[in-house]
Structures are given as structure tokens and as C-alpha cells.
Amino acid sequence: MGLFDRLVSLTLPVVPKPIVGYFSRRYIAGESLDQAFGVARLLLDKNALVTMDILGEFIEDLSEADANTAQYVDLIRKVAEQRLPDTNVSVKLTALGLQLDKAACLANLRKLMDAVRETGKFLRIDMEDSPCTDDTLELYRVLRDEYPGMVGVVLQARLRRSMADIDALVHPQANYRLCKGIYLEPEEIAFTEPDPIRASFTALLERMIETGAYVGIATHDEQLVDEAIALIEKHRLPKERYEFQMLLGVTEMLRQRILDAGHRLRVYVPYGVQWYPYSVRRLRENPQIAGYAFKALFNRK
């Protein structure tokens, strides 16, 4: 981490909210669902697909998990009502109480999945830091069997365990999002340098393809995009077996190149009133990104 990035990380908590909002607004679809739907429609008009998520912090009480569950059920139903083509929903299990009561979290998840089944939608279970990995995969397995073809999970190339997880999760309905992983983990359980993370990403992607899974290839790294396309061509992977995925507002030229080449691509569209704590936490977890953002802010002409 460079000195500038370290200073940015240390000063983020005292940075005025309007400044954080200034450089984060392109990455967040707004505070309201109506704003998020507006952003989603713009992306759909550009031939991209969308997954939507509600921004939120770690919760401290199961009543908050109940409230979040109701919001997600409402989101799933409203996505269906809006008739947004092939639009799905992503969720972090800590928002549903994973770290407080796993059984309660599963009950909440089933409420989301019942709404998914009723509406013909799809739910992506996001992956968080390593203390959540085992429980997240356990609940994914349960739902994968109860709601076949309606739920997927995320695996991170940064984690050394991910190859073993793929082999343990082989299933006709396996559906993954593969990403590098934003959470900084200890070296004994994670790759910490860019090249090993890239090598892990490529190896995991090929293993997912070989096991017959559907794969969301989530990366903004042009090298990995090119390597993914090479693997798609090598395995003659039909378009029904994969898609690329990106964050809102990031590497838009690369996004367009992928779309122009005829690949499906889905954009993560987060929204909600908790955009500020979400932004600060994410930037502190990866100070280099914060450094880029502040440099861009102060170098604008």
C-alpha cells in the first residue's frame, strides 16, 4: 500500500459526507428503489443485464434482519412487477442475520426464495469475509436442493480453499459468481499478490466450466477478461452457460467491449440510504481504490 493510499484510509472517517458522495455517486444507483430502477433501465437499454442489491451495514439485532428480509422480498416482487428482463437480486447473508442466528438466517432466506419461486426470478448469495464462508456455503447447499435453478453463490479467487469448494459443490444446478474478492485476508488462507490471485481466478474458472456449472465471470481486469474469453473458446462454452459481471460505474469501456463481442454481461446495481457507511467501509477495506478515487477527485479539470 502506498503512502497516499494509507493516508486516505486513515482519513476516510473524517472526510465530509458530500465529498464521499461526490466520487461514489457513479457507483451507487441512488437511495430509492425508483432511482435504482431508472439506472437499471438505462443499463438494459444498453444491452446489459442487471442484479440489484440493497446497501446496508452489519446488523446487531434479529429485528433488523426481519426488516431487511421484508425489504428484499419487496425488491424481488417489484423487480418482477417492473418486467425488467432477466434482472435478479443479490444479497449478503449478514443482512439476514447470519452472524447472529444461522437458523433464523435460513428462515429469512427461505422467505426470499419463496418470493423468487413465485416470481420466476433468481437470487445470488454474495460471499463476505472468511469467517462467513462455511456457513454461507452450507446455506447455499440447502437452498440449491430446495429451490433448484433459482439460487447461486459467490466464490473468491483470493481464498486458497476455493478450488476444494468447487469440487465439494459439484451439482447439476451449480451456479457461481467468480470474483477476485475484496476482503483482505491472512496470507495463510489467501493469496495476497496480484499475479497469484489472477492465476487462481483462471484455474477456478476452468474448473467451474469443467464441472458443468453456470459461471458469472466477475472482473474488471482486462487480462482476466481476455483469459476468460480464451477459456470460453477452448471449451466451446455456449452462451447459456456463462455471463460476465461488473460493478456499476467501473471500467465502462471494457464493459462495452465485452457486450460488443456478443457476450452476456450483468451489472451490479446497489442502492439504499446506507450508501455512505457502505462506501467508507469498502474504501477502507481496499485503500488503493480509495486512493484512486481521491486522485480522480482532485485531478479533475
Protein backbone atom coordinates (compact mmCIF):
# COMPACT_ATOMS: atom_id res chain seq x y z
CA MET A 1 0.00 0.00 0.00
CA GLY A 2 1.40 3.39 -0.97
CA LEU A 3 1.73 6.28 1.48
CA PHE A 4 -1.05 8.22 -0.23
CA ASP A 5 -3.41 5.23 -0.07
CA ARG A 6 -2.59 4.70 3.61
CA LEU A 7 -3.30 8.36 4.41
CA VAL A 8 -6.59 8.18 2.54
CA SER A 9 -7.58 5.08 4.52
CA LEU A 10 -6.80 6.77 7.84
CA THR A 11 -8.66 9.97 6.99
CA LEU A 12 -11.80 8.45 5.43
CA PRO A 13 -13.84 8.63 8.67
CA VAL A 14 -13.42 12.42 8.81
CA VAL A 15 -13.92 13.09 5.11
CA PRO A 16 -17.11 15.16 4.68
CA LYS A 17 -20.07 13.12 3.50
CA PRO A 18 -20.62 15.28 0.38
CA ILE A 19 -17.08 14.52 -0.82
CA VAL A 20 -17.56 10.77 -0.35
CA GLY A 21 -20.87 11.14 -2.15
CA TYR A 22 -19.23 13.04 -4.99
CA PHE A 23 -16.87 10.27 -6.04
CA SER A 24 -19.18 7.39 -5.12
CA ARG A 25 -22.32 8.54 -6.95
CA ARG A 26 -21.44 6.82 -10.21
CA TYR A 27 -21.03 3.53 -8.35
CA ILE A 28 -24.35 3.66 -6.45
CA ALA A 29 -27.79 3.81 -8.09
CA GLY A 30 -29.30 6.21 -5.55
CA GLU A 31 -31.11 5.99 -2.24
CA SER A 32 -34.53 4.90 -3.51
CA LEU A 33 -35.78 1.88 -5.41
CA ASP A 34 -37.27 4.16 -8.07
CA GLN A 35 -33.81 5.67 -8.67
CA ALA A 36 -32.31 2.20 -8.89
CA PHE A 37 -34.94 1.09 -11.40
CA GLY A 38 -34.08 4.13 -13.50
CA VAL A 39 -30.42 3.11 -13.57
CA ALA A 40 -31.38 -0.50 -14.31
CA ARG A 41 -33.46 0.56 -17.32
CA LEU A 42 -30.58 2.61 -18.72
CA LEU A 43 -28.32 -0.43 -18.48
CA LEU A 44 -30.91 -2.71 -20.06
CA ASP A 45 -31.25 -0.21 -22.91
CA LYS A 46 -27.50 -0.69 -23.49
CA ASN A 47 -27.99 -4.48 -23.72
CA ALA A 48 -26.53 -5.17 -20.27
CA LEU A 49 -28.29 -7.32 -17.66
CA VAL A 50 -28.74 -6.29 -14.02
CA THR A 51 -28.53 -7.67 -10.50
CA MET A 52 -29.88 -5.41 -7.74
CA ASP A 53 -28.88 -5.16 -4.09
CA ILE A 54 -29.87 -3.09 -1.05
CA LEU A 55 -26.97 -1.39 0.70
CA GLY A 56 -26.68 -2.00 4.42
CA GLU A 57 -24.35 -2.41 7.36
CA PHE A 58 -23.73 -5.38 9.61
CA ILE A 59 -26.72 -5.77 11.90
CA GLU A 60 -26.79 -6.16 15.67
CA ASP A 61 -30.32 -7.45 16.28
CA LEU A 62 -32.59 -10.00 14.63
CA SER A 63 -35.31 -7.38 14.33
CA GLU A 64 -33.03 -5.67 11.80
CA ALA A 65 -32.71 -8.96 9.93
CA ASP A 66 -36.50 -9.23 9.82
CA ALA A 67 -36.75 -5.69 8.42
CA ASN A 68 -34.08 -6.42 5.81
CA THR A 69 -35.84 -9.64 4.84
CA ALA A 70 -39.07 -7.74 4.22
CA GLN A 71 -37.18 -5.21 2.07
CA TYR A 72 -35.61 -7.94 -0.05
CA VAL A 73 -38.92 -9.76 -0.52
CA ASP A 74 -40.43 -6.45 -1.64
CA LEU A 75 -37.50 -5.86 -4.01
CA ILE A 76 -37.86 -9.30 -5.61
CA ARG A 77 -41.57 -8.78 -6.18
CA LYS A 78 -41.15 -5.27 -7.53
CA VAL A 79 -38.41 -6.38 -9.93
CA ALA A 80 -40.95 -8.84 -11.31
CA GLU A 81 -43.69 -6.19 -11.45
CA GLN A 82 -41.40 -3.84 -13.38
CA ARG A 83 -40.85 -6.56 -16.01
CA LEU A 84 -37.12 -5.86 -16.20
CA PRO A 85 -35.77 -8.64 -18.46
CA ASP A 86 -33.58 -11.26 -16.72
CA THR A 87 -32.98 -8.98 -13.73
CA ASN A 88 -32.08 -10.73 -10.49
CA VAL A 89 -31.25 -9.86 -6.88
CA SER A 90 -28.06 -10.24 -4.81
CA VAL A 91 -27.95 -10.47 -1.01
CA LYS A 92 -25.33 -10.65 1.74
CA LEU A 93 -26.33 -13.12 4.43
CA THR A 94 -25.10 -10.94 7.29
CA ALA A 95 -28.01 -8.62 6.40
CA LEU A 96 -30.36 -11.52 7.14
CA GLY A 97 -28.79 -12.43 10.49
CA LEU A 98 -26.07 -14.95 9.58
CA GLN A 99 -23.71 -13.82 12.34
CA LEU A 100 -26.48 -13.70 14.95
CA ASP A 101 -28.50 -16.87 14.37
CA LYS A 102 -27.84 -19.19 11.43
CA ALA A 103 -31.23 -20.90 11.72
CA ALA A 104 -33.01 -17.54 11.68
CA CYS A 105 -30.94 -16.52 8.67
CA LEU A 106 -32.01 -19.68 6.83
CA ALA A 107 -35.65 -18.99 7.66
CA ASN A 108 -35.25 -15.47 6.29
CA LEU A 109 -33.54 -16.79 3.18
CA ARG A 110 -36.43 -19.15 2.56
CA LYS A 111 -38.79 -16.16 2.56
CA LEU A 112 -36.68 -14.58 -0.18
CA MET A 113 -36.57 -17.83 -2.09
CA ASP A 114 -40.33 -18.28 -1.85
CA ALA A 115 -40.67 -14.86 -3.49
CA VAL A 116 -38.11 -15.90 -6.12
CA ARG A 117 -40.09 -19.04 -6.90
CA GLU A 118 -43.38 -17.14 -7.08
CA THR A 119 -41.97 -14.55 -9.49
CA GLY A 120 -39.63 -16.68 -11.59
CA LYS A 121 -36.59 -14.68 -10.52
CA PHE A 122 -33.11 -15.68 -9.27
CA LEU A 123 -31.16 -14.93 -6.08
CA ARG A 124 -27.39 -14.60 -5.84
CA ILE A 125 -25.94 -15.20 -2.37
CA ASP A 126 -22.93 -12.95 -2.03
CA MET A 127 -19.76 -14.00 -0.23
CA GLU A 128 -18.32 -11.96 2.61
CA ASP A 129 -15.14 -12.32 4.65
CA SER A 130 -13.70 -15.72 5.56
CA PRO A 131 -15.50 -16.22 8.93
CA CYS A 132 -18.74 -16.34 6.90
CA THR A 133 -17.59 -18.76 4.20
CA ASP A 134 -18.52 -22.14 5.71
CA ASP A 135 -21.98 -21.03 6.84
CA THR A 136 -22.68 -19.27 3.55
CA LEU A 137 -21.84 -22.37 1.53
CA GLU A 138 -23.83 -24.59 3.90
CA LEU A 139 -26.98 -22.49 3.44
CA TYR A 140 -26.40 -22.30 -0.31
CA ARG A 141 -26.35 -26.12 -0.49
CA VAL A 142 -29.66 -26.31 1.39
CA LEU A 143 -31.36 -23.79 -0.88
CA ARG A 144 -29.84 -25.22 -4.06
CA ASP A 145 -31.61 -28.50 -3.33
CA GLU A 146 -34.88 -26.92 -2.18
CA TYR A 147 -35.09 -24.34 -4.99
CA PRO A 148 -33.28 -25.89 -7.98
CA GLY A 149 -32.12 -23.46 -10.62
CA MET A 150 -33.15 -20.39 -8.60
CA VAL A 151 -30.10 -19.64 -6.44
CA GLY A 152 -26.35 -19.17 -6.86
CA VAL A 153 -23.37 -18.31 -4.70
CA VAL A 154 -20.08 -16.40 -4.96
CA LEU A 155 -16.57 -17.86 -4.71
CA GLN A 156 -13.42 -15.75 -4.35
CA ALA A 157 -10.17 -16.34 -6.21
CA ARG A 158 -8.29 -14.75 -3.32
CA LEU A 159 -9.13 -17.65 -0.98
CA ARG A 160 -6.89 -20.71 -1.19
CA ARG A 161 -9.80 -23.00 -0.31
CA SER A 162 -11.94 -22.12 -3.33
CA MET A 163 -10.76 -24.96 -5.59
CA ALA A 164 -11.70 -27.51 -2.93
CA ASP A 165 -15.04 -25.74 -2.51
CA ILE A 166 -15.80 -26.14 -6.21
CA ASP A 167 -15.07 -29.86 -6.03
CA ALA A 168 -17.30 -30.19 -2.95
CA LEU A 169 -20.13 -28.25 -4.61
CA VAL A 170 -20.32 -30.16 -7.92
CA HIS A 171 -24.01 -30.42 -8.75
CA PRO A 172 -26.23 -30.21 -11.85
CA GLN A 173 -27.64 -26.90 -10.54
CA ALA A 174 -24.31 -25.34 -9.50
CA ASN A 175 -24.30 -21.62 -10.26
CA TYR A 176 -21.41 -19.36 -9.31
CA ARG A 177 -20.20 -15.82 -9.45
CA LEU A 178 -16.40 -15.92 -9.54
CA CYS A 179 -14.61 -12.78 -8.37
CA LYS A 180 -11.15 -11.90 -7.07
CA GLY A 181 -12.52 -10.95 -3.64
CA ILE A 182 -12.31 -7.57 -1.95
CA TYR A 183 -11.74 -8.79 1.62
CA LEU A 184 -8.13 -8.65 2.77
CA GLU A 185 -7.40 -11.98 4.47
CA PRO A 186 -4.35 -13.51 6.23
CA GLU A 187 -1.73 -14.99 3.91
CA GLU A 188 -2.17 -18.49 5.35
CA ILE A 189 -5.70 -18.67 3.92
CA ALA A 190 -5.47 -16.27 1.00
CA PHE A 191 -3.36 -15.18 -1.92
CA THR A 192 -2.21 -11.63 -1.32
CA GLU A 193 -0.39 -10.64 -4.52
CA PRO A 194 -1.99 -9.78 -7.89
CA ASP A 195 -0.39 -12.49 -10.04
CA PRO A 196 -1.28 -15.46 -7.79
CA ILE A 197 -4.84 -14.10 -7.47
CA ARG A 198 -5.10 -13.89 -11.26
CA ALA A 199 -3.71 -17.42 -11.65
CA SER A 200 -6.22 -18.68 -9.09
CA PHE A 201 -9.07 -16.92 -10.89
CA THR A 202 -8.23 -18.54 -14.22
CA ALA A 203 -7.79 -22.01 -12.69
CA LEU A 204 -11.07 -21.73 -10.78
CA LEU A 205 -12.92 -20.57 -13.86
CA GLU A 206 -11.70 -23.54 -15.88
CA ARG A 207 -12.65 -25.93 -13.09
CA MET A 208 -16.15 -24.43 -12.91
CA ILE A 209 -16.52 -24.87 -16.66
CA GLU A 210 -15.27 -28.47 -16.48
CA THR A 211 -17.78 -29.37 -13.75
CA GLY A 212 -20.70 -28.08 -15.82
CA ALA A 213 -21.59 -25.10 -13.64
CA TYR A 214 -23.08 -21.82 -14.79
CA VAL A 215 -20.49 -19.09 -14.19
CA GLY A 216 -20.77 -15.35 -13.70
CA ILE A 217 -17.27 -14.11 -14.54
CA ALA A 218 -16.98 -11.04 -12.32
CA THR A 219 -13.89 -8.98 -13.12
CA HIS A 220 -12.76 -5.56 -14.29
CA ASP A 221 -9.26 -6.88 -15.05
CA GLU A 222 -8.74 -6.79 -18.81
CA GLN A 223 -6.13 -9.56 -18.64
CA LEU A 224 -8.62 -11.85 -16.91
CA VAL A 225 -11.35 -10.93 -19.39
CA ASP A 226 -9.07 -11.99 -22.24
CA GLU A 227 -8.11 -15.22 -20.46
CA ALA A 228 -11.78 -15.95 -19.74
CA ILE A 229 -12.70 -15.48 -23.40
CA ALA A 230 -9.87 -17.84 -24.36
CA LEU A 231 -11.28 -20.49 -21.98
CA ILE A 232 -14.79 -19.95 -23.34
CA GLU A 233 -13.48 -20.57 -26.84
CA LYS A 234 -11.32 -23.52 -25.77
CA HIS A 235 -14.27 -25.30 -24.16
CA ARG A 236 -16.76 -24.10 -26.80
CA LEU A 237 -18.92 -22.87 -23.96
CA PRO A 238 -22.45 -21.93 -25.09
CA LYS A 239 -23.77 -18.51 -24.08
CA GLU A 240 -26.35 -20.19 -21.83
CA ARG A 241 -23.52 -21.36 -19.54
CA TYR A 242 -21.86 -18.08 -18.61
CA GLU A 243 -22.01 -14.31 -18.36
CA PHE A 244 -19.57 -11.56 -17.45
CA GLN A 245 -20.34 -9.38 -14.43
CA MET A 246 -19.19 -5.91 -13.39
CA LEU A 247 -19.88 -3.23 -10.80
CA LEU A 248 -21.88 -0.15 -11.69
CA GLY A 249 -19.72 2.70 -12.99
CA VAL A 250 -16.47 0.72 -13.27
CA THR A 251 -14.44 0.13 -16.48
CA GLU A 252 -17.34 1.08 -18.72
CA MET A 253 -15.24 0.94 -21.90
CA LEU A 254 -14.26 -2.66 -21.12
CA ARG A 255 -17.89 -3.43 -20.37
CA GLN A 256 -18.89 -2.17 -23.79
CA ARG A 257 -16.13 -4.16 -25.48
CA ILE A 258 -17.44 -7.36 -23.89
CA LEU A 259 -21.01 -6.56 -24.94
CA ASP A 260 -19.93 -5.65 -28.47
CA ALA A 261 -18.22 -9.04 -28.74
CA GLY A 262 -21.58 -10.72 -28.16
CA HIS A 263 -21.16 -11.87 -24.56
CA ARG A 264 -23.85 -11.53 -21.90
CA LEU A 265 -22.85 -9.09 -19.15
CA ARG A 266 -24.60 -8.27 -15.89
CA VAL A 267 -24.06 -5.08 -13.85
CA TYR A 268 -24.33 -4.99 -10.05
CA VAL A 269 -26.70 -2.13 -9.15
CA PRO A 270 -26.66 -1.30 -5.41
CA TYR A 271 -28.93 1.31 -3.85
CA GLY A 272 -30.18 2.45 -0.45
CA VAL A 273 -29.94 5.07 2.25
CA GLN A 274 -26.88 3.37 3.77
CA TRP A 275 -24.65 4.26 0.82
CA TYR A 276 -22.29 6.33 2.99
CA PRO A 277 -21.22 3.70 5.55
CA TYR A 278 -21.09 1.15 2.75
CA SER A 279 -18.78 3.38 0.70
CA VAL A 280 -16.47 4.18 3.61
CA ARG A 281 -16.22 0.55 4.68
CA ARG A 282 -15.48 -0.67 1.17
CA LEU A 283 -12.85 2.02 0.62
CA ARG A 284 -11.17 1.27 3.93
CA GLU A 285 -11.08 -2.44 3.07
CA ASN A 286 -9.24 -1.57 -0.13
CA PRO A 287 -7.36 1.71 0.39
CA GLN A 288 -5.85 1.58 -3.10
CA ILE A 289 -9.31 2.07 -4.59
CA ALA A 290 -9.86 4.97 -2.21
CA GLY A 291 -6.56 6.45 -3.36
CA TYR A 292 -7.62 6.22 -7.00
CA ALA A 293 -10.93 7.88 -6.16
CA PHE A 294 -9.36 10.79 -4.31
CA LYS A 295 -6.74 11.31 -7.01
CA ALA A 296 -9.51 11.40 -9.59
CA LEU A 297 -11.45 13.88 -7.45
CA PHE A 298 -8.60 16.35 -7.03
CA ASN A 299 -7.22 15.96 -10.56
CA ARG A 300 -10.50 16.86 -12.28
CA LYS A 301 -10.16 19.74 -14.73
